[in-house]
Amino acid sequence: MRISKNKLGLAMLNAGVDSIRDLAAASGVSINTISRSNNGGTVKLATLRRIAEALGVDPADLLEEA
């Protein structure tokens, strides 16, 4: 699964999360994994769920459009 860079950025802004470092701390996902996903890499469903939960959004709201 690929996370949309724009959707992730918007969700971070809306949640008041200022940086990937802050998102990593809140979600328990490594900075490297978040950075990789932000640069077009794929993530596992469990990782997507943890990021979405930390941002208070539905996981589907972060996915890139097919």
C-alpha atoms as a PDB file:
ATOM      1  CA  MET A   1       0.000   0.000   0.000  1.00  0.00           C
ATOM      2  CA  ARG A   2       1.198   3.480  -0.771  1.00  0.00           C
ATOM      3  CA  ILE A   3       0.493   6.485   1.416  1.00  0.00           C
ATOM      4  CA  SER A   4      -0.245   9.708  -0.440  1.00  0.00           C
ATOM      5  CA  LYS A   5       2.347  12.351   0.431  1.00  0.00           C
ATOM      6  CA  ASN A   6      -0.284  15.110   0.113  1.00  0.00           C
ATOM      7  CA  LYS A   7      -2.873  13.293   2.202  1.00  0.00           C
ATOM      8  CA  LEU A   8      -0.308  12.485   4.889  1.00  0.00           C
ATOM      9  CA  GLY A   9       0.827  16.107   5.001  1.00  0.00           C
ATOM     10  CA  LEU A  10      -2.740  17.362   5.315  1.00  0.00           C
ATOM     11  CA  ALA A  11      -3.565  14.825   8.033  1.00  0.00           C
ATOM     12  CA  MET A  12      -0.433  15.839   9.943  1.00  0.00           C
ATOM     13  CA  LEU A  13      -1.362  19.508   9.660  1.00  0.00           C
ATOM     14  CA  ASN A  14      -4.924  18.853  10.848  1.00  0.00           C
ATOM     15  CA  ALA A  15      -3.664  16.754  13.765  1.00  0.00           C
ATOM     16  CA  GLY A  16      -1.090  19.345  14.782  1.00  0.00           C
ATOM     17  CA  VAL A  17       1.817  17.002  14.122  1.00  0.00           C
ATOM     18  CA  ASP A  18       4.732  19.175  13.064  1.00  0.00           C
ATOM     19  CA  SER A  19       7.275  16.660  11.802  1.00  0.00           C
ATOM     20  CA  ILE A  20       7.934  13.101  10.769  1.00  0.00           C
ATOM     21  CA  ARG A  21       9.884  12.739  14.016  1.00  0.00           C
ATOM     22  CA  ASP A  22       6.757  13.709  16.004  1.00  0.00           C
ATOM     23  CA  LEU A  23       4.616  11.332  13.933  1.00  0.00           C
ATOM     24  CA  ALA A  24       7.089   8.515  14.558  1.00  0.00           C
ATOM     25  CA  ALA A  25       6.961   9.135  18.306  1.00  0.00           C
ATOM     26  CA  ALA A  26       3.144   9.271  18.337  1.00  0.00           C
ATOM     27  CA  SER A  27       2.626   6.201  16.145  1.00  0.00           C
ATOM     28  CA  GLY A  28       5.475   3.965  17.255  1.00  0.00           C
ATOM     29  CA  VAL A  29       6.567   3.641  13.617  1.00  0.00           C
ATOM     30  CA  SER A  30      10.223   4.307  12.839  1.00  0.00           C
ATOM     31  CA  ILE A  31      11.256   7.595  11.267  1.00  0.00           C
ATOM     32  CA  ASN A  32      12.860   5.637   8.421  1.00  0.00           C
ATOM     33  CA  THR A  33       9.618   3.801   7.628  1.00  0.00           C
ATOM     34  CA  ILE A  34       7.585   7.018   7.611  1.00  0.00           C
ATOM     35  CA  SER A  35      10.198   8.779   5.498  1.00  0.00           C
ATOM     36  CA  ARG A  36      10.297   5.886   3.031  1.00  0.00           C
ATOM     37  CA  SER A  37       6.508   5.860   2.731  1.00  0.00           C
ATOM     38  CA  ASN A  38       6.515   9.636   2.275  1.00  0.00           C
ATOM     39  CA  ASN A  39       8.921   9.163  -0.643  1.00  0.00           C
ATOM     40  CA  GLY A  40       6.733   6.650  -2.507  1.00  0.00           C
ATOM     41  CA  GLY A  41       7.576   3.417  -0.700  1.00  0.00           C
ATOM     42  CA  THR A  42       4.981   0.921   0.390  1.00  0.00           C
ATOM     43  CA  VAL A  43       3.824   0.147   3.921  1.00  0.00           C
ATOM     44  CA  LYS A  44       2.161  -2.832   5.545  1.00  0.00           C
ATOM     45  CA  LEU A  45      -1.450  -2.578   6.685  1.00  0.00           C
ATOM     46  CA  ALA A  46      -0.437  -2.638  10.360  1.00  0.00           C
ATOM     47  CA  THR A  47       1.918   0.301   9.791  1.00  0.00           C
ATOM     48  CA  LEU A  48      -0.753   2.245   7.926  1.00  0.00           C
ATOM     49  CA  ARG A  49      -3.186   1.654  10.800  1.00  0.00           C
ATOM     50  CA  ARG A  50      -0.694   2.887  13.417  1.00  0.00           C
ATOM     51  CA  ILE A  51       0.031   6.067  11.457  1.00  0.00           C
ATOM     52  CA  ALA A  52      -3.668   6.711  10.846  1.00  0.00           C
ATOM     53  CA  GLU A  53      -4.533   6.125  14.504  1.00  0.00           C
ATOM     54  CA  ALA A  54      -1.849   8.583  15.609  1.00  0.00           C
ATOM     55  CA  LEU A  55      -3.341  11.181  13.252  1.00  0.00           C
ATOM     56  CA  GLY A  56      -6.968  10.446  14.128  1.00  0.00           C
ATOM     57  CA  VAL A  57      -7.975   9.527  10.586  1.00  0.00           C
ATOM     58  CA  ASP A  58      -9.292   6.464   8.788  1.00  0.00           C
ATOM     59  CA  PRO A  59      -6.444   4.489   7.184  1.00  0.00           C
ATOM     60  CA  ALA A  60      -8.198   4.677   3.793  1.00  0.00           C
ATOM     61  CA  ASP A  61      -7.966   8.482   3.986  1.00  0.00           C
ATOM     62  CA  LEU A  62      -4.184   8.270   3.689  1.00  0.00           C
ATOM     63  CA  LEU A  63      -3.943   5.954   0.707  1.00  0.00           C
ATOM     64  CA  GLU A  64      -2.871   7.045  -2.741  1.00  0.00           C
ATOM     65  CA  GLU A  65      -5.631   6.938  -5.332  1.00  0.00           C
ATOM     66  CA  ALA A  66      -5.403   3.871  -7.562  1.00  0.00           C
END
